[in-house]
Amino acid sequence: MPRTVDRSEQRRQIGAALLRLAGEEGLDQVSVRTVAAASGRSPGAVQKYFRSKEDLLLFASELAGERIERRMGAVDPGLPLRAALRELILTTLPLDQERRAETAAQLAFAVHAAHHPRLAEVRQRVDRELRDALAHRLAAAGSPLPGPAADALIAVSDGLALRLLYTPDEAPPLLAALDLALETLTPDG
């Protein structure tokens, strides 16, 4: 009897290998050949699931967004606003090996998106979804300007993520800066 292959799972495994590779060595090192090696497959096997490097990058970018959404979805919605926002932002920061690789890959995708419209569309959609979720929580808590406050929190998160990549030992003071930003940008609680 022929073996059945879960095409979706195979694509996810290859995408995860690209995220690891991009996080560890940078997007410049990503090719069908290097992703194939990182995923334990032949280049032909990778090309069976992705027609081009661009398709592979698009999928991996989506996969990184899904991982962030999954972690954000696990944050207790019953937390007070400031604590919930802090937990949501922490899900995006490179505070462990997996999130460090994802953050490095996400930043590489952002730079790449400046010159590749299809990738820019994916990044813009992920950003919009994140902004909308934060703005919704802020509006529910009575923020008079939930959209701009959400944008400010994302800017703080992006800046912290970047700095944590190259100064991971500075996490305590950088997280204190996050707390200060949350106090400034959110209503009481």
N, C-alpha and C. Protein backbone atom coordinates (compact mmCIF):
# COMPACT_ATOMS: atom_id res chain seq x y z
N MET A 1 0.85 -1.18 0.00
CA MET A 1 0.00 0.00 0.00
C MET A 1 0.89 1.25 0.00
N PRO A 2 0.61 2.22 -0.89
CA PRO A 2 1.45 3.42 -0.94
C PRO A 2 1.35 4.24 0.34
N ARG A 3 2.46 4.83 0.67
CA ARG A 3 2.54 5.68 1.86
C ARG A 3 1.88 7.02 1.55
N THR A 4 1.02 7.49 2.46
CA THR A 4 0.39 8.80 2.26
C THR A 4 1.24 9.86 2.94
N VAL A 5 1.39 10.97 2.25
CA VAL A 5 2.20 12.07 2.75
C VAL A 5 1.28 13.23 3.07
N ASP A 6 1.41 13.76 4.26
CA ASP A 6 0.64 14.93 4.66
C ASP A 6 1.35 16.16 4.08
N ARG A 7 0.86 16.62 2.95
CA ARG A 7 1.49 17.72 2.21
C ARG A 7 1.62 18.97 3.08
N SER A 8 0.58 19.28 3.83
CA SER A 8 0.60 20.47 4.68
C SER A 8 1.69 20.35 5.75
N GLU A 9 1.81 19.19 6.36
CA GLU A 9 2.83 19.00 7.39
C GLU A 9 4.23 19.06 6.80
N GLN A 10 4.42 18.50 5.61
CA GLN A 10 5.71 18.58 4.94
C GLN A 10 6.10 20.03 4.68
N ARG A 11 5.14 20.83 4.21
CA ARG A 11 5.39 22.25 3.95
C ARG A 11 5.76 22.97 5.25
N ARG A 12 5.06 22.64 6.33
CA ARG A 12 5.33 23.28 7.62
C ARG A 12 6.73 22.92 8.11
N GLN A 13 7.14 21.67 7.95
CA GLN A 13 8.48 21.26 8.38
C GLN A 13 9.56 21.98 7.57
N ILE A 14 9.34 22.12 6.28
CA ILE A 14 10.30 22.83 5.43
C ILE A 14 10.33 24.30 5.81
N GLY A 15 9.16 24.91 6.03
CA GLY A 15 9.09 26.31 6.46
C GLY A 15 9.78 26.53 7.79
N ALA A 16 9.61 25.60 8.71
CA ALA A 16 10.27 25.70 10.02
C ALA A 16 11.78 25.63 9.86
N ALA A 17 12.25 24.79 8.94
CA ALA A 17 13.70 24.70 8.68
C ALA A 17 14.21 26.03 8.13
N LEU A 18 13.43 26.68 7.26
CA LEU A 18 13.85 27.98 6.74
C LEU A 18 13.93 29.00 7.87
N LEU A 19 12.94 29.01 8.77
CA LEU A 19 12.98 29.96 9.89
C LEU A 19 14.21 29.74 10.75
N ARG A 20 14.53 28.48 11.04
CA ARG A 20 15.73 28.20 11.84
C ARG A 20 16.98 28.69 11.11
N LEU A 21 17.09 28.36 9.84
CA LEU A 21 18.25 28.74 9.05
C LEU A 21 18.39 30.26 8.97
N ALA A 22 17.29 30.94 8.67
CA ALA A 22 17.33 32.40 8.58
C ALA A 22 17.67 33.02 9.92
N GLY A 23 17.16 32.43 11.00
CA GLY A 23 17.45 32.95 12.33
C GLY A 23 18.88 32.73 12.77
N GLU A 24 19.44 31.60 12.37
CA GLU A 24 20.81 31.26 12.79
C GLU A 24 21.88 31.88 11.88
N GLU A 25 21.60 31.95 10.58
CA GLU A 25 22.63 32.36 9.64
C GLU A 25 22.26 33.54 8.77
N GLY A 26 21.01 33.98 8.84
CA GLY A 26 20.57 35.12 8.04
C GLY A 26 19.91 34.68 6.74
N LEU A 27 19.10 35.56 6.22
CA LEU A 27 18.35 35.28 5.00
C LEU A 27 19.25 35.11 3.79
N ASP A 28 20.44 35.69 3.83
CA ASP A 28 21.38 35.55 2.72
C ASP A 28 21.79 34.08 2.51
N GLN A 29 21.72 33.31 3.57
CA GLN A 29 22.11 31.90 3.48
C GLN A 29 20.97 30.99 3.04
N VAL A 30 19.79 31.56 2.85
CA VAL A 30 18.62 30.75 2.49
C VAL A 30 18.59 30.54 0.98
N SER A 31 18.56 29.27 0.61
CA SER A 31 18.35 28.87 -0.78
C SER A 31 17.59 27.55 -0.73
N VAL A 32 17.09 27.11 -1.85
CA VAL A 32 16.40 25.82 -1.87
C VAL A 32 17.35 24.74 -1.37
N ARG A 33 18.60 24.81 -1.78
CA ARG A 33 19.59 23.80 -1.38
C ARG A 33 19.85 23.82 0.13
N THR A 34 20.04 25.02 0.71
CA THR A 34 20.34 25.07 2.14
C THR A 34 19.11 24.71 2.99
N VAL A 35 17.94 25.09 2.53
CA VAL A 35 16.71 24.73 3.25
C VAL A 35 16.50 23.22 3.16
N ALA A 36 16.79 22.66 1.99
CA ALA A 36 16.67 21.20 1.84
C ALA A 36 17.58 20.50 2.84
N ALA A 37 18.82 20.94 2.92
CA ALA A 37 19.76 20.32 3.87
C ALA A 37 19.29 20.49 5.30
N ALA A 38 18.81 21.69 5.65
CA ALA A 38 18.35 21.96 7.02
C ALA A 38 17.10 21.16 7.38
N SER A 39 16.33 20.79 6.36
CA SER A 39 15.09 20.04 6.64
C SER A 39 15.27 18.54 6.42
N GLY A 40 16.49 18.12 6.05
CA GLY A 40 16.74 16.70 5.85
C GLY A 40 16.11 16.16 4.58
N ARG A 41 15.99 17.00 3.56
CA ARG A 41 15.38 16.61 2.30
C ARG A 41 16.32 16.96 1.15
N SER A 42 15.99 16.44 0.00
CA SER A 42 16.74 16.81 -1.20
C SER A 42 16.16 18.10 -1.77
N PRO A 43 16.95 18.84 -2.56
CA PRO A 43 16.40 20.04 -3.19
C PRO A 43 15.16 19.74 -4.04
N GLY A 44 15.16 18.59 -4.72
CA GLY A 44 13.99 18.20 -5.52
C GLY A 44 12.75 18.01 -4.66
N ALA A 45 12.94 17.46 -3.46
CA ALA A 45 11.79 17.26 -2.55
C ALA A 45 11.23 18.61 -2.10
N VAL A 46 12.11 19.57 -1.84
CA VAL A 46 11.65 20.91 -1.44
C VAL A 46 10.90 21.55 -2.60
N GLN A 47 11.43 21.41 -3.80
CA GLN A 47 10.79 22.01 -4.97
C GLN A 47 9.45 21.37 -5.29
N LYS A 48 9.23 20.17 -4.79
CA LYS A 48 7.93 19.52 -4.95
C LYS A 48 6.84 20.29 -4.19
N TYR A 49 7.24 20.93 -3.10
CA TYR A 49 6.28 21.66 -2.25
C TYR A 49 6.29 23.16 -2.49
N PHE A 50 7.39 23.69 -3.02
CA PHE A 50 7.52 25.14 -3.25
C PHE A 50 8.15 25.34 -4.62
N ARG A 51 7.46 26.08 -5.49
CA ARG A 51 7.94 26.28 -6.86
C ARG A 51 9.19 27.16 -6.93
N SER A 52 9.33 28.06 -5.95
CA SER A 52 10.45 29.00 -6.01
C SER A 52 10.88 29.38 -4.60
N LYS A 53 12.03 30.03 -4.53
CA LYS A 53 12.51 30.54 -3.24
C LYS A 53 11.52 31.56 -2.70
N GLU A 54 10.95 32.38 -3.57
CA GLU A 54 9.97 33.38 -3.12
C GLU A 54 8.75 32.71 -2.48
N ASP A 55 8.25 31.63 -3.09
CA ASP A 55 7.12 30.91 -2.49
C ASP A 55 7.50 30.36 -1.11
N LEU A 56 8.70 29.89 -0.99
CA LEU A 56 9.19 29.36 0.28
C LEU A 56 9.28 30.48 1.32
N LEU A 57 9.79 31.64 0.94
CA LEU A 57 9.88 32.78 1.86
C LEU A 57 8.49 33.25 2.29
N LEU A 58 7.57 33.32 1.34
CA LEU A 58 6.20 33.74 1.68
C LEU A 58 5.59 32.78 2.69
N PHE A 59 5.75 31.49 2.44
CA PHE A 59 5.17 30.50 3.35
C PHE A 59 5.81 30.60 4.74
N ALA A 60 7.13 30.73 4.80
CA ALA A 60 7.81 30.80 6.09
C ALA A 60 7.40 32.07 6.85
N SER A 61 7.19 33.16 6.14
CA SER A 61 6.74 34.40 6.78
C SER A 61 5.35 34.20 7.38
N GLU A 62 4.48 33.54 6.64
CA GLU A 62 3.14 33.22 7.16
C GLU A 62 3.24 32.32 8.38
N LEU A 63 4.11 31.33 8.31
CA LEU A 63 4.30 30.39 9.42
C LEU A 63 4.77 31.12 10.67
N ALA A 64 5.70 32.04 10.52
CA ALA A 64 6.17 32.82 11.68
C ALA A 64 5.02 33.63 12.27
N GLY A 65 4.20 34.22 11.42
CA GLY A 65 3.02 34.95 11.90
C GLY A 65 2.05 34.05 12.65
N GLU A 66 1.83 32.85 12.14
CA GLU A 66 0.94 31.89 12.81
C GLU A 66 1.47 31.52 14.19
N ARG A 67 2.77 31.34 14.30
CA ARG A 67 3.36 30.99 15.60
C ARG A 67 3.13 32.11 16.61
N ILE A 68 3.31 33.35 16.17
CA ILE A 68 3.08 34.49 17.06
C ILE A 68 1.61 34.55 17.46
N GLU A 69 0.72 34.38 16.49
CA GLU A 69 -0.72 34.40 16.78
C GLU A 69 -1.09 33.30 17.78
N ARG A 70 -0.49 32.12 17.62
CA ARG A 70 -0.78 31.01 18.55
C ARG A 70 -0.35 31.37 19.96
N ARG A 71 0.85 31.93 20.10
CA ARG A 71 1.32 32.32 21.43
C ARG A 71 0.45 33.44 22.00
N MET A 72 0.06 34.39 21.17
CA MET A 72 -0.79 35.49 21.64
C MET A 72 -2.15 34.96 22.06
N GLY A 73 -2.66 33.99 21.33
CA GLY A 73 -3.95 33.40 21.66
C GLY A 73 -3.95 32.68 23.00
N ALA A 74 -2.78 32.30 23.48
CA ALA A 74 -2.67 31.61 24.76
C ALA A 74 -2.62 32.57 25.95
N VAL A 75 -2.53 33.87 25.67
CA VAL A 75 -2.50 34.85 26.76
C VAL A 75 -3.90 34.95 27.37
N ASP A 76 -3.96 34.88 28.68
CA ASP A 76 -5.22 34.91 29.41
C ASP A 76 -5.97 36.22 29.14
N PRO A 77 -7.14 36.16 28.51
CA PRO A 77 -7.90 37.38 28.23
C PRO A 77 -8.48 38.02 29.50
N GLY A 78 -8.46 37.31 30.60
CA GLY A 78 -8.98 37.85 31.85
C GLY A 78 -7.99 38.71 32.62
N LEU A 79 -6.76 38.80 32.12
CA LEU A 79 -5.76 39.63 32.80
C LEU A 79 -6.15 41.10 32.71
N PRO A 80 -5.75 41.91 33.70
CA PRO A 80 -5.93 43.36 33.56
C PRO A 80 -5.20 43.83 32.30
N LEU A 81 -5.68 44.93 31.72
CA LEU A 81 -5.19 45.39 30.43
C LEU A 81 -3.67 45.47 30.36
N ARG A 82 -3.04 46.17 31.27
CA ARG A 82 -1.59 46.37 31.19
C ARG A 82 -0.85 45.04 31.25
N ALA A 83 -1.28 44.15 32.12
CA ALA A 83 -0.65 42.83 32.24
C ALA A 83 -0.86 42.01 30.97
N ALA A 84 -2.07 42.10 30.39
CA ALA A 84 -2.35 41.36 29.16
C ALA A 84 -1.49 41.89 28.01
N LEU A 85 -1.40 43.20 27.88
CA LEU A 85 -0.58 43.78 26.82
C LEU A 85 0.89 43.39 26.99
N ARG A 86 1.36 43.40 28.23
CA ARG A 86 2.75 43.00 28.49
C ARG A 86 2.97 41.56 28.05
N GLU A 87 2.06 40.68 28.41
CA GLU A 87 2.19 39.27 28.01
C GLU A 87 2.12 39.12 26.50
N LEU A 88 1.24 39.87 25.85
CA LEU A 88 1.15 39.80 24.40
C LEU A 88 2.46 40.23 23.75
N ILE A 89 3.03 41.31 24.23
CA ILE A 89 4.30 41.79 23.66
C ILE A 89 5.42 40.80 23.95
N LEU A 90 5.44 40.23 25.15
CA LEU A 90 6.48 39.25 25.47
C LEU A 90 6.45 38.06 24.52
N THR A 91 5.26 37.71 24.00
CA THR A 91 5.19 36.58 23.07
C THR A 91 5.94 36.85 21.78
N THR A 92 6.21 38.13 21.49
CA THR A 92 6.88 38.49 20.24
C THR A 92 8.38 38.76 20.41
N LEU A 93 8.84 38.85 21.63
CA LEU A 93 10.24 39.22 21.88
C LEU A 93 11.16 38.01 21.90
N PRO A 94 12.41 38.18 21.46
CA PRO A 94 13.36 37.07 21.37
C PRO A 94 13.96 36.71 22.74
N LEU A 95 13.12 36.11 23.58
CA LEU A 95 13.55 35.79 24.94
C LEU A 95 13.90 34.31 25.12
N ASP A 96 13.75 33.51 24.06
CA ASP A 96 14.21 32.13 24.08
C ASP A 96 14.71 31.80 22.67
N GLN A 97 15.28 30.63 22.50
CA GLN A 97 15.93 30.28 21.23
C GLN A 97 14.95 30.29 20.06
N GLU A 98 13.76 29.73 20.24
CA GLU A 98 12.79 29.69 19.15
C GLU A 98 12.36 31.09 18.73
N ARG A 99 12.02 31.92 19.71
CA ARG A 99 11.59 33.29 19.38
C ARG A 99 12.76 34.13 18.87
N ARG A 100 13.96 33.81 19.30
CA ARG A 100 15.13 34.53 18.79
C ARG A 100 15.30 34.25 17.29
N ALA A 101 15.20 32.99 16.91
CA ALA A 101 15.30 32.64 15.49
C ALA A 101 14.16 33.26 14.70
N GLU A 102 12.96 33.22 15.24
CA GLU A 102 11.80 33.82 14.56
C GLU A 102 11.98 35.32 14.39
N THR A 103 12.46 35.98 15.43
CA THR A 103 12.64 37.44 15.36
C THR A 103 13.69 37.80 14.32
N ALA A 104 14.79 37.07 14.31
CA ALA A 104 15.83 37.34 13.31
C ALA A 104 15.27 37.12 11.90
N ALA A 105 14.50 36.05 11.74
CA ALA A 105 13.89 35.79 10.43
C ALA A 105 12.88 36.88 10.08
N GLN A 106 12.05 37.29 11.05
CA GLN A 106 11.05 38.33 10.80
C GLN A 106 11.71 39.64 10.37
N LEU A 107 12.78 40.01 11.03
CA LEU A 107 13.49 41.24 10.65
C LEU A 107 14.09 41.11 9.25
N ALA A 108 14.62 39.95 8.94
CA ALA A 108 15.14 39.73 7.59
C ALA A 108 14.01 39.80 6.57
N PHE A 109 12.86 39.23 6.90
CA PHE A 109 11.71 39.31 5.99
C PHE A 109 11.29 40.77 5.78
N ALA A 110 11.32 41.56 6.86
CA ALA A 110 10.91 42.96 6.75
C ALA A 110 11.83 43.71 5.78
N VAL A 111 13.13 43.48 5.89
CA VAL A 111 14.08 44.14 4.98
C VAL A 111 13.85 43.64 3.55
N HIS A 112 13.67 42.35 3.40
CA HIS A 112 13.43 41.76 2.09
C HIS A 112 12.14 42.30 1.47
N ALA A 113 11.13 42.52 2.31
CA ALA A 113 9.83 42.99 1.84
C ALA A 113 9.89 44.38 1.23
N ALA A 114 10.91 45.16 1.60
CA ALA A 114 11.05 46.50 1.03
C ALA A 114 11.24 46.44 -0.49
N HIS A 115 11.69 45.30 -1.00
CA HIS A 115 11.96 45.16 -2.43
C HIS A 115 11.14 44.06 -3.10
N HIS A 116 10.26 43.42 -2.34
CA HIS A 116 9.47 42.31 -2.87
C HIS A 116 8.01 42.50 -2.47
N PRO A 117 7.19 43.00 -3.38
CA PRO A 117 5.80 43.35 -3.06
C PRO A 117 4.96 42.21 -2.49
N ARG A 118 5.15 40.99 -2.97
CA ARG A 118 4.34 39.88 -2.43
C ARG A 118 4.65 39.64 -0.95
N LEU A 119 5.91 39.70 -0.59
CA LEU A 119 6.29 39.53 0.81
C LEU A 119 5.82 40.73 1.62
N ALA A 120 5.88 41.92 1.04
CA ALA A 120 5.38 43.12 1.73
C ALA A 120 3.90 42.97 2.06
N GLU A 121 3.12 42.40 1.14
CA GLU A 121 1.69 42.18 1.39
C GLU A 121 1.47 41.27 2.59
N VAL A 122 2.25 40.20 2.68
CA VAL A 122 2.13 39.28 3.82
C VAL A 122 2.48 40.01 5.11
N ARG A 123 3.59 40.73 5.11
CA ARG A 123 4.01 41.44 6.32
C ARG A 123 2.96 42.47 6.73
N GLN A 124 2.40 43.20 5.76
CA GLN A 124 1.39 44.21 6.06
C GLN A 124 0.15 43.58 6.67
N ARG A 125 -0.27 42.42 6.15
CA ARG A 125 -1.44 41.74 6.70
C ARG A 125 -1.19 41.28 8.13
N VAL A 126 -0.03 40.70 8.39
CA VAL A 126 0.30 40.25 9.75
C VAL A 126 0.32 41.46 10.69
N ASP A 127 0.93 42.56 10.25
CA ASP A 127 0.98 43.78 11.08
C ASP A 127 -0.42 44.31 11.37
N ARG A 128 -1.28 44.32 10.34
CA ARG A 128 -2.66 44.81 10.52
C ARG A 128 -3.42 43.97 11.55
N GLU A 129 -3.26 42.65 11.45
CA GLU A 129 -3.95 41.76 12.38
C GLU A 129 -3.48 42.00 13.81
N LEU A 130 -2.19 42.18 13.99
CA LEU A 130 -1.64 42.46 15.32
C LEU A 130 -2.15 43.80 15.84
N ARG A 131 -2.10 44.82 15.00
CA ARG A 131 -2.57 46.15 15.39
C ARG A 131 -4.05 46.11 15.77
N ASP A 132 -4.85 45.44 14.96
CA ASP A 132 -6.28 45.36 15.24
C ASP A 132 -6.57 44.67 16.57
N ALA A 133 -5.83 43.59 16.86
CA ALA A 133 -6.04 42.87 18.12
C ALA A 133 -5.67 43.76 19.31
N LEU A 134 -4.54 44.46 19.22
CA LEU A 134 -4.15 45.36 20.31
C LEU A 134 -5.13 46.53 20.45
N ALA A 135 -5.53 47.12 19.33
CA ALA A 135 -6.47 48.25 19.38
C ALA A 135 -7.80 47.83 19.98
N HIS A 136 -8.23 46.62 19.67
CA HIS A 136 -9.49 46.11 20.22
C HIS A 136 -9.40 46.01 21.75
N ARG A 137 -8.31 45.47 22.23
CA ARG A 137 -8.13 45.35 23.69
C ARG A 137 -8.06 46.73 24.34
N LEU A 138 -7.36 47.65 23.70
CA LEU A 138 -7.25 49.01 24.26
C LEU A 138 -8.60 49.71 24.25
N ALA A 139 -9.37 49.57 23.18
CA ALA A 139 -10.69 50.19 23.11
C ALA A 139 -11.61 49.63 24.18
N ALA A 140 -11.56 48.31 24.36
CA ALA A 140 -12.40 47.67 25.37
C ALA A 140 -12.06 48.15 26.77
N ALA A 141 -10.82 48.58 26.98
CA ALA A 141 -10.39 49.08 28.29
C ALA A 141 -10.61 50.58 28.45
N GLY A 142 -11.14 51.21 27.40
CA GLY A 142 -11.46 52.63 27.51
C GLY A 142 -10.41 53.58 27.00
N SER A 143 -9.45 53.09 26.24
CA SER A 143 -8.43 53.99 25.69
C SER A 143 -9.08 54.98 24.74
N PRO A 144 -8.78 56.28 24.89
CA PRO A 144 -9.39 57.25 23.99
C PRO A 144 -8.82 57.20 22.57
N LEU A 145 -7.62 56.68 22.40
CA LEU A 145 -6.98 56.58 21.09
C LEU A 145 -6.40 55.17 20.90
N PRO A 146 -7.26 54.16 20.77
CA PRO A 146 -6.74 52.78 20.74
C PRO A 146 -5.84 52.49 19.54
N GLY A 147 -6.12 53.04 18.37
CA GLY A 147 -5.28 52.79 17.19
C GLY A 147 -3.88 53.34 17.35
N PRO A 148 -3.75 54.65 17.66
CA PRO A 148 -2.40 55.19 17.86
C PRO A 148 -1.65 54.53 19.02
N ALA A 149 -2.37 54.19 20.09
CA ALA A 149 -1.71 53.52 21.22
C ALA A 149 -1.20 52.14 20.78
N ALA A 150 -1.99 51.43 19.97
CA ALA A 150 -1.56 50.13 19.46
C ALA A 150 -0.31 50.29 18.59
N ASP A 151 -0.31 51.32 17.73
CA ASP A 151 0.87 51.57 16.89
C ASP A 151 2.10 51.87 17.75
N ALA A 152 1.92 52.64 18.81
CA ALA A 152 3.04 52.96 19.69
C ALA A 152 3.57 51.70 20.38
N LEU A 153 2.66 50.84 20.83
CA LEU A 153 3.09 49.59 21.48
C LEU A 153 3.84 48.69 20.50
N ILE A 154 3.38 48.64 19.27
CA ILE A 154 4.08 47.84 18.26
C ILE A 154 5.47 48.42 18.00
N ALA A 155 5.56 49.74 17.92
CA ALA A 155 6.87 50.38 17.71
C ALA A 155 7.82 50.06 18.86
N VAL A 156 7.31 50.11 20.07
CA VAL A 156 8.13 49.76 21.24
C VAL A 156 8.57 48.29 21.14
N SER A 157 7.62 47.42 20.83
CA SER A 157 7.92 45.99 20.72
C SER A 157 8.96 45.73 19.64
N ASP A 158 8.79 46.37 18.47
CA ASP A 158 9.75 46.17 17.38
C ASP A 158 11.14 46.65 17.78
N GLY A 159 11.21 47.80 18.43
CA GLY A 159 12.51 48.32 18.88
C GLY A 159 13.15 47.42 19.91
N LEU A 160 12.36 46.94 20.85
CA LEU A 160 12.90 46.03 21.86
C LEU A 160 13.38 44.73 21.23
N ALA A 161 12.60 44.20 20.29
CA ALA A 161 12.99 42.95 19.62
C ALA A 161 14.34 43.12 18.93
N LEU A 162 14.50 44.22 18.23
CA LEU A 162 15.76 44.47 17.53
C LEU A 162 16.92 44.55 18.53
N ARG A 163 16.76 45.32 19.57
CA ARG A 163 17.84 45.48 20.55
C ARG A 163 18.13 44.18 21.28
N LEU A 164 17.10 43.39 21.58
CA LEU A 164 17.32 42.12 22.27
C LEU A 164 18.07 41.12 21.40
N LEU A 165 17.98 41.27 20.08
CA LEU A 165 18.73 40.37 19.21
C LEU A 165 20.23 40.56 19.36
N TYR A 166 20.67 41.81 19.43
CA TYR A 166 22.12 42.01 19.50
C TYR A 166 22.63 42.32 20.90
N THR A 167 21.72 42.50 21.87
CA THR A 167 22.14 42.67 23.27
C THR A 167 21.24 41.84 24.18
N PRO A 168 21.26 40.51 24.04
CA PRO A 168 20.37 39.68 24.85
C PRO A 168 20.61 39.82 26.35
N ASP A 169 21.82 40.20 26.75
CA ASP A 169 22.11 40.36 28.18
C ASP A 169 21.45 41.60 28.77
N GLU A 170 20.93 42.45 27.93
CA GLU A 170 20.28 43.68 28.39
C GLU A 170 18.78 43.51 28.60
N ALA A 171 18.30 42.27 28.65
CA ALA A 171 16.86 42.03 28.78
C ALA A 171 16.24 42.73 29.99
N PRO A 172 16.82 42.66 31.20
CA PRO A 172 16.15 43.31 32.34
C PRO A 172 15.89 44.81 32.15
N PRO A 173 16.88 45.62 31.77
CA PRO A 173 16.56 47.04 31.59
C PRO A 173 15.63 47.29 30.40
N LEU A 174 15.74 46.48 29.35
CA LEU A 174 14.85 46.67 28.21
C LEU A 174 13.40 46.31 28.56
N LEU A 175 13.21 45.29 29.38
CA LEU A 175 11.86 44.95 29.81
C LEU A 175 11.32 46.00 30.79
N ALA A 176 12.20 46.65 31.53
CA ALA A 176 11.77 47.77 32.37
C ALA A 176 11.29 48.92 31.49
N ALA A 177 11.93 49.12 30.35
CA ALA A 177 11.49 50.14 29.40
C ALA A 177 10.11 49.78 28.85
N LEU A 178 9.87 48.50 28.61
CA LEU A 178 8.55 48.05 28.18
C LEU A 178 7.51 48.41 29.23
N ASP A 179 7.81 48.15 30.48
CA ASP A 179 6.86 48.47 31.55
C ASP A 179 6.56 49.96 31.60
N LEU A 180 7.59 50.78 31.44
CA LEU A 180 7.40 52.23 31.42
C LEU A 180 6.50 52.65 30.26
N ALA A 181 6.74 52.07 29.08
CA ALA A 181 5.91 52.39 27.92
C ALA A 181 4.46 51.97 28.16
N LEU A 182 4.26 50.81 28.75
CA LEU A 182 2.90 50.35 29.03
C LEU A 182 2.19 51.28 30.02
N GLU A 183 2.91 51.73 31.04
CA GLU A 183 2.32 52.67 32.01
C GLU A 183 1.91 53.97 31.31
N THR A 184 2.72 54.40 30.37
CA THR A 184 2.47 55.67 29.69
C THR A 184 1.32 55.54 28.67
N LEU A 185 1.22 54.39 28.01
CA LEU A 185 0.30 54.25 26.88
C LEU A 185 -1.04 53.62 27.20
N THR A 186 -1.19 53.08 28.40
CA THR A 186 -2.45 52.39 28.70
C THR A 186 -3.17 53.07 29.84
N PRO A 187 -4.48 52.97 29.81
CA PRO A 187 -5.25 53.48 30.95
C PRO A 187 -4.89 52.67 32.20
N ASP A 188 -5.32 53.12 33.33
CA ASP A 188 -5.02 52.41 34.59
C ASP A 188 -5.32 50.93 34.45
N GLY A 189 -4.41 50.11 35.02
CA GLY A 189 -4.61 48.67 35.03
C GLY A 189 -3.86 48.03 33.98
